[in-house]
Amino acid sequence: MSVFSSGATAAEEADERSIATPLRIVNLNPFHMLYGVPSSFGTPVLAPGSSELVASMDLASHLRGGTSGQEIVLIDGETHRQALSLRHGFGNGWEYLLDLSFVSHKPGSLDSFIEEWHRTFGLPQGDRLITPRDRLTLIYADSDGTHVDIESSVSSAGDVSLGLGYALPSPPFSNDGMTLRSMLKLPTGDEGDLTGSGGFSVSAWAETSGSLSASTASREWLYSATLGLLVGQAPPNLPGIGGRFIAFGRFGVTWQLSADFNLTTQVDVYSSPYGASAVSPLSDPVVMIGMGGSWRFSEDMTLEIAVTEDDGTFHAAPDTGLHVALRWRL
């Protein structure tokens, strides 16, 4: 019996391994991360009584800064996020989700490697060549004073999230179906250390996927798409610039090389909740490009690896990141 359930006939007929699974990359900009824009999980939901546990590690290297009038922001260092996510299917086409995380902000340990990576692939260095290496500086100040000032390593549990997913029994598109999802983020992290927002947020989004038209029969080329909205409370230490809404979406193309191995390129785009700010690391929209893939090396375990880059135009996403996740079917 399959561990997946879906309301769409196409998804039921397709082998579960031939349905695109989005890269679960996250934006680790310390200020944007506070709102908790959710990752995508894929169109299929788990069958009743089936579970999946995902252990993930995300790392991002930052070097962003900006000034405008009396407003100043500097983001220099690394952010690490480890997470455990549990999905469990119940009812007909329903599943729930529990997401726990641990967040750290640390001095940059990969600066030399990243400079060489950018040099090798002809990517812009920004200010890396004129900035001290291996430091941590997270600062935000405006005319009302300094609201964030972190210059030594901090770590704590992050915000906890609870979610629901429902696969529509009669989806509007003739593909792998459509799943509606929602997420409630609780303020369990530490807003003073930028490991939590200090407030609640609620997200709702739709996910769909399918095969690209040229490979409908072979399902060699697949796509996944997400569109959603987050409503949340502004971080208490950023009340003057923090807004309440974030629109987000992502689109990925997957090349299915075999039943157990694929490569994915994905673009994540979010609006900024800091519309009242005039400094680009806060006010810019997020455009994050993920490149990676997954390898199913046993019946119940899949390894996912990806690297992320910003688009080179906007500055609200980290310039470089790494994502690793291991998924177990229970």
C-alpha atoms as a PDB file:
ATOM      1  CA  MET A   1       0.000   0.000   0.000  1.00  0.00           C
ATOM      2  CA  SER A   2       1.353   3.441  -0.906  1.00  0.00           C
ATOM      3  CA  VAL A   3       2.234   5.834   1.897  1.00  0.00           C
ATOM      4  CA  PHE A   4       0.777   8.656  -0.194  1.00  0.00           C
ATOM      5  CA  SER A   5      -2.815   9.684  -0.762  1.00  0.00           C
ATOM      6  CA  SER A   6      -4.203  12.229  -3.179  1.00  0.00           C
ATOM      7  CA  GLY A   7      -7.540  13.310  -4.493  1.00  0.00           C
ATOM      8  CA  ALA A   8      -6.234  13.439  -8.065  1.00  0.00           C
ATOM      9  CA  THR A   9      -6.540  10.408 -10.332  1.00  0.00           C
ATOM     10  CA  ALA A  10      -3.250  11.255 -12.062  1.00  0.00           C
ATOM     11  CA  ALA A  11      -1.411  11.275  -8.757  1.00  0.00           C
ATOM     12  CA  GLU A  12      -2.955   7.973  -7.732  1.00  0.00           C
ATOM     13  CA  GLU A  13      -1.895   6.335 -10.986  1.00  0.00           C
ATOM     14  CA  ALA A  14       1.622   7.802 -11.031  1.00  0.00           C
ATOM     15  CA  ASP A  15       4.366   6.048  -9.105  1.00  0.00           C
ATOM     16  CA  GLU A  16       5.045   8.083  -5.947  1.00  0.00           C
ATOM     17  CA  ARG A  17       8.695   8.426  -6.978  1.00  0.00           C
ATOM     18  CA  SER A  18       7.725  10.201 -10.205  1.00  0.00           C
ATOM     19  CA  ILE A  19       5.953  13.093  -8.459  1.00  0.00           C
ATOM     20  CA  ALA A  20       8.106  16.205  -7.986  1.00  0.00           C
ATOM     21  CA  THR A  21       9.032  17.029  -4.387  1.00  0.00           C
ATOM     22  CA  PRO A  22      10.014  20.692  -3.844  1.00  0.00           C
ATOM     23  CA  LEU A  23      13.347  21.550  -2.268  1.00  0.00           C
ATOM     24  CA  ARG A  24      12.651  22.443   1.374  1.00  0.00           C
ATOM     25  CA  ILE A  25      14.987  25.447   1.320  1.00  0.00           C
ATOM     26  CA  VAL A  26      14.395  28.343   3.721  1.00  0.00           C
ATOM     27  CA  ASN A  27      15.432  31.998   3.673  1.00  0.00           C
ATOM     28  CA  LEU A  28      17.885  32.397   6.565  1.00  0.00           C
ATOM     29  CA  ASN A  29      18.201  36.176   6.411  1.00  0.00           C
ATOM     30  CA  PRO A  30      18.001  36.643  10.217  1.00  0.00           C
ATOM     31  CA  PHE A  31      15.361  39.377   9.960  1.00  0.00           C
ATOM     32  CA  HIS A  32      13.140  37.804   7.299  1.00  0.00           C
ATOM     33  CA  MET A  33      13.408  34.336   8.877  1.00  0.00           C
ATOM     34  CA  LEU A  34      11.544  35.617  11.945  1.00  0.00           C
ATOM     35  CA  TYR A  35       8.194  35.581  10.147  1.00  0.00           C
ATOM     36  CA  GLY A  36       8.433  31.861   9.357  1.00  0.00           C
ATOM     37  CA  VAL A  37       7.524  31.610   5.668  1.00  0.00           C
ATOM     38  CA  PRO A  38       6.864  27.853   5.317  1.00  0.00           C
ATOM     39  CA  SER A  39       8.603  25.450   2.969  1.00  0.00           C
ATOM     40  CA  SER A  40       6.642  23.338   0.498  1.00  0.00           C
ATOM     41  CA  PHE A  41       5.985  19.629   1.082  1.00  0.00           C
ATOM     42  CA  GLY A  42       4.761  18.440  -2.302  1.00  0.00           C
ATOM     43  CA  THR A  43       1.337  17.715  -3.741  1.00  0.00           C
ATOM     44  CA  PRO A  44       0.735  14.203  -2.263  1.00  0.00           C
ATOM     45  CA  VAL A  45      -0.378  13.867   1.345  1.00  0.00           C
ATOM     46  CA  LEU A  46       0.394  10.798   3.428  1.00  0.00           C
ATOM     47  CA  ALA A  47      -2.073   7.943   3.582  1.00  0.00           C
ATOM     48  CA  PRO A  48      -3.986   7.479   6.853  1.00  0.00           C
ATOM     49  CA  GLY A  49      -1.717   5.999   9.530  1.00  0.00           C
ATOM     50  CA  SER A  50       1.512   6.702   7.590  1.00  0.00           C
ATOM     51  CA  SER A  51       4.209   9.091   8.838  1.00  0.00           C
ATOM     52  CA  GLU A  52       7.314  10.799   7.556  1.00  0.00           C
ATOM     53  CA  LEU A  53      10.117  12.318   9.644  1.00  0.00           C
ATOM     54  CA  VAL A  54      12.434  14.901   8.056  1.00  0.00           C
ATOM     55  CA  ALA A  55      15.719  15.910   9.712  1.00  0.00           C
ATOM     56  CA  SER A  56      17.191  18.963   8.003  1.00  0.00           C
ATOM     57  CA  MET A  57      20.192  21.254   8.314  1.00  0.00           C
ATOM     58  CA  ASP A  58      20.348  24.654   6.629  1.00  0.00           C
ATOM     59  CA  LEU A  59      23.314  27.010   6.674  1.00  0.00           C
ATOM     60  CA  ALA A  60      23.606  30.478   5.156  1.00  0.00           C
ATOM     61  CA  SER A  61      26.502  32.907   4.891  1.00  0.00           C
ATOM     62  CA  HIS A  62      25.627  36.607   5.024  1.00  0.00           C
ATOM     63  CA  LEU A  63      27.275  39.837   4.031  1.00  0.00           C
ATOM     64  CA  ARG A  64      24.591  42.461   3.608  1.00  0.00           C
ATOM     65  CA  GLY A  65      24.467  46.091   4.667  1.00  0.00           C
ATOM     66  CA  GLY A  66      22.720  49.345   3.955  1.00  0.00           C
ATOM     67  CA  THR A  67      22.150  52.868   5.214  1.00  0.00           C
ATOM     68  CA  SER A  68      19.443  55.433   4.514  1.00  0.00           C
ATOM     69  CA  GLY A  69      19.238  58.582   6.579  1.00  0.00           C
ATOM     70  CA  GLN A  70      19.485  57.428  10.204  1.00  0.00           C
ATOM     71  CA  GLU A  71      18.543  53.845   9.335  1.00  0.00           C
ATOM     72  CA  ILE A  72      21.381  51.298   9.226  1.00  0.00           C
ATOM     73  CA  VAL A  73      21.518  47.514   8.916  1.00  0.00           C
ATOM     74  CA  LEU A  74      24.491  45.155   8.816  1.00  0.00           C
ATOM     75  CA  ILE A  75      24.158  41.375   8.452  1.00  0.00           C
ATOM     76  CA  ASP A  76      27.546  39.631   8.528  1.00  0.00           C
ATOM     77  CA  GLY A  77      28.128  36.051   9.678  1.00  0.00           C
ATOM     78  CA  GLU A  78      26.382  32.718   9.413  1.00  0.00           C
ATOM     79  CA  THR A  79      22.969  31.391  10.388  1.00  0.00           C
ATOM     80  CA  HIS A  80      22.456  27.680  11.082  1.00  0.00           C
ATOM     81  CA  ARG A  81      19.051  26.030  11.401  1.00  0.00           C
ATOM     82  CA  GLN A  82      18.469  22.397  12.369  1.00  0.00           C
ATOM     83  CA  ALA A  83      14.915  21.128  12.226  1.00  0.00           C
ATOM     84  CA  LEU A  84      12.788  18.032  12.777  1.00  0.00           C
ATOM     85  CA  SER A  85       9.488  17.843  10.915  1.00  0.00           C
ATOM     86  CA  LEU A  86       6.882  15.139  11.432  1.00  0.00           C
ATOM     87  CA  ARG A  87       4.070  14.549   8.936  1.00  0.00           C
ATOM     88  CA  HIS A  88       1.250  12.109   9.650  1.00  0.00           C
ATOM     89  CA  GLY A  89      -1.686  11.135   7.446  1.00  0.00           C
ATOM     90  CA  PHE A  90      -5.185  10.818   8.848  1.00  0.00           C
ATOM     91  CA  GLY A  91      -8.722  10.731   7.508  1.00  0.00           C
ATOM     92  CA  ASN A  92      -9.254  10.837   3.763  1.00  0.00           C
ATOM     93  CA  GLY A  93      -6.719  13.145   2.135  1.00  0.00           C
ATOM     94  CA  TRP A  94      -5.622  14.893   5.361  1.00  0.00           C
ATOM     95  CA  GLU A  95      -2.274  15.134   7.133  1.00  0.00           C
ATOM     96  CA  TYR A  96      -0.857  17.162  10.009  1.00  0.00           C
ATOM     97  CA  LEU A  97       2.626  18.561  10.530  1.00  0.00           C
ATOM     98  CA  LEU A  98       4.795  19.406  13.526  1.00  0.00           C
ATOM     99  CA  ASP A  99       8.004  21.397  12.926  1.00  0.00           C
ATOM    100  CA  LEU A 100      10.675  21.931  15.623  1.00  0.00           C
ATOM    101  CA  SER A 101      13.834  23.943  15.037  1.00  0.00           C
ATOM    102  CA  PHE A 102      17.072  25.081  16.644  1.00  0.00           C
ATOM    103  CA  VAL A 103      18.681  28.304  15.347  1.00  0.00           C
ATOM    104  CA  SER A 104      22.210  29.682  15.737  1.00  0.00           C
ATOM    105  CA  HIS A 105      23.912  32.862  14.550  1.00  0.00           C
ATOM    106  CA  LYS A 106      27.686  32.467  14.415  1.00  0.00           C
ATOM    107  CA  PRO A 107      30.825  34.124  13.038  1.00  0.00           C
ATOM    108  CA  GLY A 108      31.436  33.213   9.416  1.00  0.00           C
ATOM    109  CA  SER A 109      33.573  30.075   9.130  1.00  0.00           C
ATOM    110  CA  LEU A 110      33.140  29.575   5.366  1.00  0.00           C
ATOM    111  CA  ASP A 111      34.163  33.007   4.089  1.00  0.00           C
ATOM    112  CA  SER A 112      37.327  31.783   2.345  1.00  0.00           C
ATOM    113  CA  PHE A 113      35.501  28.854   0.741  1.00  0.00           C
ATOM    114  CA  ILE A 114      32.678  31.110  -0.468  1.00  0.00           C
ATOM    115  CA  GLU A 115      35.089  33.623  -1.974  1.00  0.00           C
ATOM    116  CA  GLU A 116      36.747  30.792  -3.894  1.00  0.00           C
ATOM    117  CA  TRP A 117      33.341  29.401  -4.953  1.00  0.00           C
ATOM    118  CA  HIS A 118      32.312  32.808  -6.315  1.00  0.00           C
ATOM    119  CA  ARG A 119      35.661  33.207  -8.062  1.00  0.00           C
ATOM    120  CA  THR A 120      35.455  29.769  -9.684  1.00  0.00           C
ATOM    121  CA  PHE A 121      31.941  30.291 -11.084  1.00  0.00           C
ATOM    122  CA  GLY A 122      32.314  33.987 -11.888  1.00  0.00           C
ATOM    123  CA  LEU A 123      29.809  35.093  -9.257  1.00  0.00           C
ATOM    124  CA  PRO A 124      29.955  38.600  -7.753  1.00  0.00           C
ATOM    125  CA  GLN A 125      31.927  38.923  -4.506  1.00  0.00           C
ATOM    126  CA  GLY A 126      30.082  42.013  -3.280  1.00  0.00           C
ATOM    127  CA  ASP A 127      32.062  43.506  -0.399  1.00  0.00           C
ATOM    128  CA  ARG A 128      33.635  40.213   0.688  1.00  0.00           C
ATOM    129  CA  LEU A 129      37.132  41.115  -0.489  1.00  0.00           C
ATOM    130  CA  ILE A 130      37.232  44.327   1.603  1.00  0.00           C
ATOM    131  CA  THR A 131      35.396  43.066   4.708  1.00  0.00           C
ATOM    132  CA  PRO A 132      36.987  41.288   7.711  1.00  0.00           C
ATOM    133  CA  ARG A 133      36.472  37.538   7.544  1.00  0.00           C
ATOM    134  CA  ASP A 134      34.968  35.220  10.135  1.00  0.00           C
ATOM    135  CA  ARG A 135      32.978  37.713  12.206  1.00  0.00           C
ATOM    136  CA  LEU A 136      29.393  38.012  13.435  1.00  0.00           C
ATOM    137  CA  THR A 137      27.652  41.374  13.306  1.00  0.00           C
ATOM    138  CA  LEU A 138      23.870  41.713  13.270  1.00  0.00           C
ATOM    139  CA  ILE A 139      22.853  45.351  13.701  1.00  0.00           C
ATOM    140  CA  TYR A 140      19.743  47.379  13.057  1.00  0.00           C
ATOM    141  CA  ALA A 141      19.384  50.997  14.178  1.00  0.00           C
ATOM    142  CA  ASP A 142      17.283  53.995  13.248  1.00  0.00           C
ATOM    143  CA  SER A 143      16.386  57.402  14.645  1.00  0.00           C
ATOM    144  CA  ASP A 144      14.835  55.750  17.703  1.00  0.00           C
ATOM    145  CA  GLY A 145      18.062  53.962  18.651  1.00  0.00           C
ATOM    146  CA  THR A 146      19.660  50.545  18.241  1.00  0.00           C
ATOM    147  CA  HIS A 147      17.100  47.747  18.107  1.00  0.00           C
ATOM    148  CA  VAL A 148      19.370  44.787  17.303  1.00  0.00           C
ATOM    149  CA  ASP A 149      23.055  44.464  18.232  1.00  0.00           C
ATOM    150  CA  ILE A 150      24.483  40.925  18.198  1.00  0.00           C
ATOM    151  CA  GLU A 151      28.255  40.432  17.918  1.00  0.00           C
ATOM    152  CA  SER A 152      28.812  37.083  19.630  1.00  0.00           C
ATOM    153  CA  SER A 153      27.374  33.639  18.944  1.00  0.00           C
ATOM    154  CA  VAL A 154      23.783  32.988  20.030  1.00  0.00           C
ATOM    155  CA  SER A 155      21.765  29.769  19.887  1.00  0.00           C
ATOM    156  CA  SER A 156      18.350  28.659  21.068  1.00  0.00           C
ATOM    157  CA  ALA A 157      15.261  26.717  20.128  1.00  0.00           C
ATOM    158  CA  GLY A 158      13.387  28.382  17.297  1.00  0.00           C
ATOM    159  CA  ASP A 159       9.688  28.908  16.772  1.00  0.00           C
ATOM    160  CA  VAL A 160       7.454  25.818  16.688  1.00  0.00           C
ATOM    161  CA  SER A 161       5.028  25.390  13.794  1.00  0.00           C
ATOM    162  CA  LEU A 162       1.857  23.292  13.486  1.00  0.00           C
ATOM    163  CA  GLY A 163       0.252  22.599  10.133  1.00  0.00           C
ATOM    164  CA  LEU A 164      -2.511  20.845   8.189  1.00  0.00           C
ATOM    165  CA  GLY A 165      -2.682  19.635   4.596  1.00  0.00           C
ATOM    166  CA  TYR A 166      -5.670  18.561   2.517  1.00  0.00           C
ATOM    167  CA  ALA A 167      -5.570  17.065  -0.996  1.00  0.00           C
ATOM    168  CA  LEU A 168      -8.532  18.271  -3.040  1.00  0.00           C
ATOM    169  CA  PRO A 169     -10.591  15.309  -4.284  1.00  0.00           C
ATOM    170  CA  SER A 170     -11.482  17.191  -7.500  1.00  0.00           C
ATOM    171  CA  PRO A 171      -8.535  19.458  -8.340  1.00  0.00           C
ATOM    172  CA  PRO A 172      -8.992  22.258 -10.907  1.00  0.00           C
ATOM    173  CA  PHE A 173      -6.015  21.111 -12.997  1.00  0.00           C
ATOM    174  CA  SER A 174      -5.382  17.880 -14.883  1.00  0.00           C
ATOM    175  CA  ASN A 175      -2.031  17.012 -13.303  1.00  0.00           C
ATOM    176  CA  ASP A 176      -0.916  15.447 -10.013  1.00  0.00           C
ATOM    177  CA  GLY A 177      -3.644  17.303  -8.137  1.00  0.00           C
ATOM    178  CA  MET A 178      -3.703  20.210  -5.738  1.00  0.00           C
ATOM    179  CA  THR A 179      -3.152  20.312  -1.990  1.00  0.00           C
ATOM    180  CA  LEU A 180      -4.178  23.135   0.333  1.00  0.00           C
ATOM    181  CA  ARG A 181      -1.977  23.683   3.377  1.00  0.00           C
ATOM    182  CA  SER A 182      -1.930  25.952   6.420  1.00  0.00           C
ATOM    183  CA  MET A 183       0.591  26.617   9.162  1.00  0.00           C
ATOM    184  CA  LEU A 184       0.482  28.271  12.590  1.00  0.00           C
ATOM    185  CA  LYS A 185       3.829  29.503  13.940  1.00  0.00           C
ATOM    186  CA  LEU A 186       4.131  29.892  17.707  1.00  0.00           C
ATOM    187  CA  PRO A 187       6.481  32.415  19.423  1.00  0.00           C
ATOM    188  CA  THR A 188       8.693  29.878  21.198  1.00  0.00           C
ATOM    189  CA  GLY A 189      12.059  31.259  20.058  1.00  0.00           C
ATOM    190  CA  ASP A 190      14.043  34.155  21.540  1.00  0.00           C
ATOM    191  CA  GLU A 191      13.318  37.441  19.763  1.00  0.00           C
ATOM    192  CA  GLY A 192      16.274  39.120  21.478  1.00  0.00           C
ATOM    193  CA  ASP A 193      18.685  36.678  19.815  1.00  0.00           C
ATOM    194  CA  LEU A 194      16.805  36.672  16.476  1.00  0.00           C
ATOM    195  CA  THR A 195      16.007  32.977  16.851  1.00  0.00           C
ATOM    196  CA  GLY A 196      12.269  33.670  17.095  1.00  0.00           C
ATOM    197  CA  SER A 197       9.864  36.428  16.160  1.00  0.00           C
ATOM    198  CA  GLY A 198       8.155  36.989  19.491  1.00  0.00           C
ATOM    199  CA  GLY A 199       4.794  36.767  17.723  1.00  0.00           C
ATOM    200  CA  PHE A 200       2.350  34.467  15.952  1.00  0.00           C
ATOM    201  CA  SER A 201       1.945  34.007  12.217  1.00  0.00           C
ATOM    202  CA  VAL A 202      -0.538  32.072  10.066  1.00  0.00           C
ATOM    203  CA  SER A 203       0.159  30.901   6.529  1.00  0.00           C
ATOM    204  CA  ALA A 204      -2.100  29.398   3.873  1.00  0.00           C
ATOM    205  CA  TRP A 205      -0.972  28.153   0.485  1.00  0.00           C
ATOM    206  CA  ALA A 206      -1.728  25.832  -2.412  1.00  0.00           C
ATOM    207  CA  GLU A 207       0.675  23.337  -4.005  1.00  0.00           C
ATOM    208  CA  THR A 208       0.435  21.581  -7.314  1.00  0.00           C
ATOM    209  CA  SER A 209       2.759  19.557  -9.534  1.00  0.00           C
ATOM    210  CA  GLY A 210       2.843  17.526 -12.714  1.00  0.00           C
ATOM    211  CA  SER A 211       4.847  16.537 -15.747  1.00  0.00           C
ATOM    212  CA  LEU A 212       5.934  19.069 -18.333  1.00  0.00           C
ATOM    213  CA  SER A 213       4.049  18.698 -21.597  1.00  0.00           C
ATOM    214  CA  ALA A 214       7.007  17.306 -23.565  1.00  0.00           C
ATOM    215  CA  SER A 215       7.411  14.386 -21.167  1.00  0.00           C
ATOM    216  CA  THR A 216       3.868  13.556 -20.068  1.00  0.00           C
ATOM    217  CA  ALA A 217       4.267   9.866 -20.901  1.00  0.00           C
ATOM    218  CA  SER A 218       7.785   9.349 -19.553  1.00  0.00           C
ATOM    219  CA  ARG A 219       7.504  11.844 -16.653  1.00  0.00           C
ATOM    220  CA  GLU A 220      11.180  12.625 -17.144  1.00  0.00           C
ATOM    221  CA  TRP A 221      10.653  16.368 -16.644  1.00  0.00           C
ATOM    222  CA  LEU A 222       8.437  17.489 -13.761  1.00  0.00           C
ATOM    223  CA  TYR A 223       7.385  20.736 -12.155  1.00  0.00           C
ATOM    224  CA  SER A 224       6.120  21.877  -8.757  1.00  0.00           C
ATOM    225  CA  ALA A 225       4.486  25.196  -7.896  1.00  0.00           C
ATOM    226  CA  THR A 226       3.377  26.945  -4.703  1.00  0.00           C
ATOM    227  CA  LEU A 227       1.455  30.165  -4.046  1.00  0.00           C
ATOM    228  CA  GLY A 228       0.508  31.462  -0.607  1.00  0.00           C
ATOM    229  CA  LEU A 229       0.057  34.260   1.917  1.00  0.00           C
ATOM    230  CA  LEU A 230       1.393  34.758   5.453  1.00  0.00           C
ATOM    231  CA  VAL A 231      -0.195  37.017   8.062  1.00  0.00           C
ATOM    232  CA  GLY A 232       1.900  37.639  11.155  1.00  0.00           C
ATOM    233  CA  GLN A 233       2.820  39.935  14.008  1.00  0.00           C
ATOM    234  CA  ALA A 234       5.784  42.264  13.573  1.00  0.00           C
ATOM    235  CA  PRO A 235       8.840  41.410  15.723  1.00  0.00           C
ATOM    236  CA  PRO A 236       8.617  43.444  18.968  1.00  0.00           C
ATOM    237  CA  ASN A 237      12.124  44.833  18.522  1.00  0.00           C
ATOM    238  CA  LEU A 238      11.301  46.076  14.977  1.00  0.00           C
ATOM    239  CA  PRO A 239       7.867  47.669  15.466  1.00  0.00           C
ATOM    240  CA  GLY A 240       8.543  50.708  13.330  1.00  0.00           C
ATOM    241  CA  ILE A 241       9.278  48.815  10.109  1.00  0.00           C
ATOM    242  CA  GLY A 242       7.714  45.368  10.529  1.00  0.00           C
ATOM    243  CA  GLY A 243       4.527  44.707   8.581  1.00  0.00           C
ATOM    244  CA  ARG A 244       1.927  41.952   8.741  1.00  0.00           C
ATOM    245  CA  PHE A 245       1.758  40.359   5.284  1.00  0.00           C
ATOM    246  CA  ILE A 246       4.056  38.298   3.075  1.00  0.00           C
ATOM    247  CA  ALA A 247       3.017  36.883  -0.296  1.00  0.00           C
ATOM    248  CA  PHE A 248       5.187  33.948  -1.309  1.00  0.00           C
ATOM    249  CA  GLY A 249       5.568  31.513  -4.157  1.00  0.00           C
ATOM    250  CA  ARG A 250       8.021  29.045  -5.629  1.00  0.00           C
ATOM    251  CA  PHE A 251       8.444  27.138  -8.856  1.00  0.00           C
ATOM    252  CA  GLY A 252      10.729  24.190  -9.485  1.00  0.00           C
ATOM    253  CA  VAL A 253      11.683  22.020 -12.439  1.00  0.00           C
ATOM    254  CA  THR A 254      12.865  18.465 -11.743  1.00  0.00           C
ATOM    255  CA  TRP A 255      14.785  16.176 -14.078  1.00  0.00           C
ATOM    256  CA  GLN A 256      13.949  12.587 -13.141  1.00  0.00           C
ATOM    257  CA  LEU A 257      17.133  10.739 -14.107  1.00  0.00           C
ATOM    258  CA  SER A 258      15.918   7.460 -12.595  1.00  0.00           C
ATOM    259  CA  ALA A 259      13.234   6.180 -10.261  1.00  0.00           C
ATOM    260  CA  ASP A 260      15.436   7.003  -7.271  1.00  0.00           C
ATOM    261  CA  PHE A 261      17.521   9.999  -8.350  1.00  0.00           C
ATOM    262  CA  ASN A 262      16.562  13.472  -9.578  1.00  0.00           C
ATOM    263  CA  LEU A 263      17.928  16.987  -9.994  1.00  0.00           C
ATOM    264  CA  THR A 264      15.903  20.135  -9.248  1.00  0.00           C
ATOM    265  CA  THR A 265      16.241  23.848  -9.903  1.00  0.00           C
ATOM    266  CA  GLN A 266      13.848  26.003  -7.897  1.00  0.00           C
ATOM    267  CA  VAL A 267      13.128  29.710  -7.502  1.00  0.00           C
ATOM    268  CA  ASP A 268      11.564  31.020  -4.274  1.00  0.00           C
ATOM    269  CA  VAL A 269      10.084  34.536  -4.286  1.00  0.00           C
ATOM    270  CA  TYR A 270       8.646  36.382  -1.254  1.00  0.00           C
ATOM    271  CA  SER A 271       7.460  39.936  -0.762  1.00  0.00           C
ATOM    272  CA  SER A 272       9.095  41.870   2.069  1.00  0.00           C
ATOM    273  CA  PRO A 273       7.269  42.538   5.352  1.00  0.00           C
ATOM    274  CA  TYR A 274       9.573  45.513   5.971  1.00  0.00           C
ATOM    275  CA  GLY A 275       7.963  47.932   3.534  1.00  0.00           C
ATOM    276  CA  ALA A 276       8.529  50.852   5.896  1.00  0.00           C
ATOM    277  CA  SER A 277      12.301  50.312   5.767  1.00  0.00           C
ATOM    278  CA  ALA A 278      14.557  52.010   3.218  1.00  0.00           C
ATOM    279  CA  VAL A 279      17.536  49.613   3.466  1.00  0.00           C
ATOM    280  CA  SER A 280      17.611  46.856   0.849  1.00  0.00           C
ATOM    281  CA  PRO A 281      18.474  43.799   3.043  1.00  0.00           C
ATOM    282  CA  LEU A 282      15.125  44.411   4.757  1.00  0.00           C
ATOM    283  CA  SER A 283      12.937  46.147   2.173  1.00  0.00           C
ATOM    284  CA  ASP A 284      13.875  44.136  -0.931  1.00  0.00           C
ATOM    285  CA  PRO A 285      11.766  41.171  -2.000  1.00  0.00           C
ATOM    286  CA  VAL A 286      13.376  37.765  -1.531  1.00  0.00           C
ATOM    287  CA  VAL A 287      14.540  35.974  -4.671  1.00  0.00           C
ATOM    288  CA  MET A 288      16.359  32.744  -3.811  1.00  0.00           C
ATOM    289  CA  ILE A 289      17.590  30.163  -6.312  1.00  0.00           C
ATOM    290  CA  GLY A 290      18.022  26.561  -5.174  1.00  0.00           C
ATOM    291  CA  MET A 291      19.930  23.904  -7.121  1.00  0.00           C
ATOM    292  CA  GLY A 292      20.125  20.322  -5.908  1.00  0.00           C
ATOM    293  CA  GLY A 293      18.418  16.979  -5.947  1.00  0.00           C
ATOM    294  CA  SER A 294      17.419  13.888  -4.033  1.00  0.00           C
ATOM    295  CA  TRP A 295      18.547  10.282  -3.878  1.00  0.00           C
ATOM    296  CA  ARG A 296      16.270   7.555  -2.566  1.00  0.00           C
ATOM    297  CA  PHE A 297      18.850   5.032  -1.349  1.00  0.00           C
ATOM    298  CA  SER A 298      16.454   2.655   0.389  1.00  0.00           C
ATOM    299  CA  GLU A 299      12.728   1.955   0.397  1.00  0.00           C
ATOM    300  CA  ASP A 300      12.197   4.254   3.367  1.00  0.00           C
ATOM    301  CA  MET A 301      15.018   6.831   3.252  1.00  0.00           C
ATOM    302  CA  THR A 302      15.748   9.737   0.898  1.00  0.00           C
ATOM    303  CA  LEU A 303      18.638  12.202   1.018  1.00  0.00           C
ATOM    304  CA  GLU A 304      18.116  15.740  -0.304  1.00  0.00           C
ATOM    305  CA  ILE A 305      20.982  18.207  -0.902  1.00  0.00           C
ATOM    306  CA  ALA A 306      20.874  21.704  -2.401  1.00  0.00           C
ATOM    307  CA  VAL A 307      22.850  24.935  -2.570  1.00  0.00           C
ATOM    308  CA  THR A 308      21.192  28.358  -2.688  1.00  0.00           C
ATOM    309  CA  GLU A 309      22.183  31.705  -4.168  1.00  0.00           C
ATOM    310  CA  ASP A 310      20.515  35.085  -4.356  1.00  0.00           C
ATOM    311  CA  ASP A 311      19.635  36.430  -7.799  1.00  0.00           C
ATOM    312  CA  GLY A 312      22.315  39.145  -7.725  1.00  0.00           C
ATOM    313  CA  THR A 313      19.789  41.993  -7.937  1.00  0.00           C
ATOM    314  CA  PHE A 314      17.886  41.947  -4.657  1.00  0.00           C
ATOM    315  CA  HIS A 315      19.584  41.689  -1.258  1.00  0.00           C
ATOM    316  CA  ALA A 316      17.075  40.118   1.135  1.00  0.00           C
ATOM    317  CA  ALA A 317      18.278  36.530   0.619  1.00  0.00           C
ATOM    318  CA  PRO A 318      21.667  35.203   1.761  1.00  0.00           C
ATOM    319  CA  ASP A 319      24.254  35.244  -0.994  1.00  0.00           C
ATOM    320  CA  THR A 320      25.125  31.570  -0.394  1.00  0.00           C
ATOM    321  CA  GLY A 321      23.481  28.699   1.470  1.00  0.00           C
ATOM    322  CA  LEU A 322      23.512  24.936   1.932  1.00  0.00           C
ATOM    323  CA  HIS A 323      20.548  22.628   2.570  1.00  0.00           C
ATOM    324  CA  VAL A 324      20.695  18.963   3.605  1.00  0.00           C
ATOM    325  CA  ALA A 325      17.701  16.842   4.607  1.00  0.00           C
ATOM    326  CA  LEU A 326      17.081  13.167   5.336  1.00  0.00           C
ATOM    327  CA  ARG A 327      13.546  11.837   5.052  1.00  0.00           C
ATOM    328  CA  TRP A 328      12.349   8.648   6.755  1.00  0.00           C
ATOM    329  CA  ARG A 329       9.016   6.935   6.125  1.00  0.00           C
ATOM    330  CA  LEU A 330       7.770   5.486   9.381  1.00  0.00           C
END
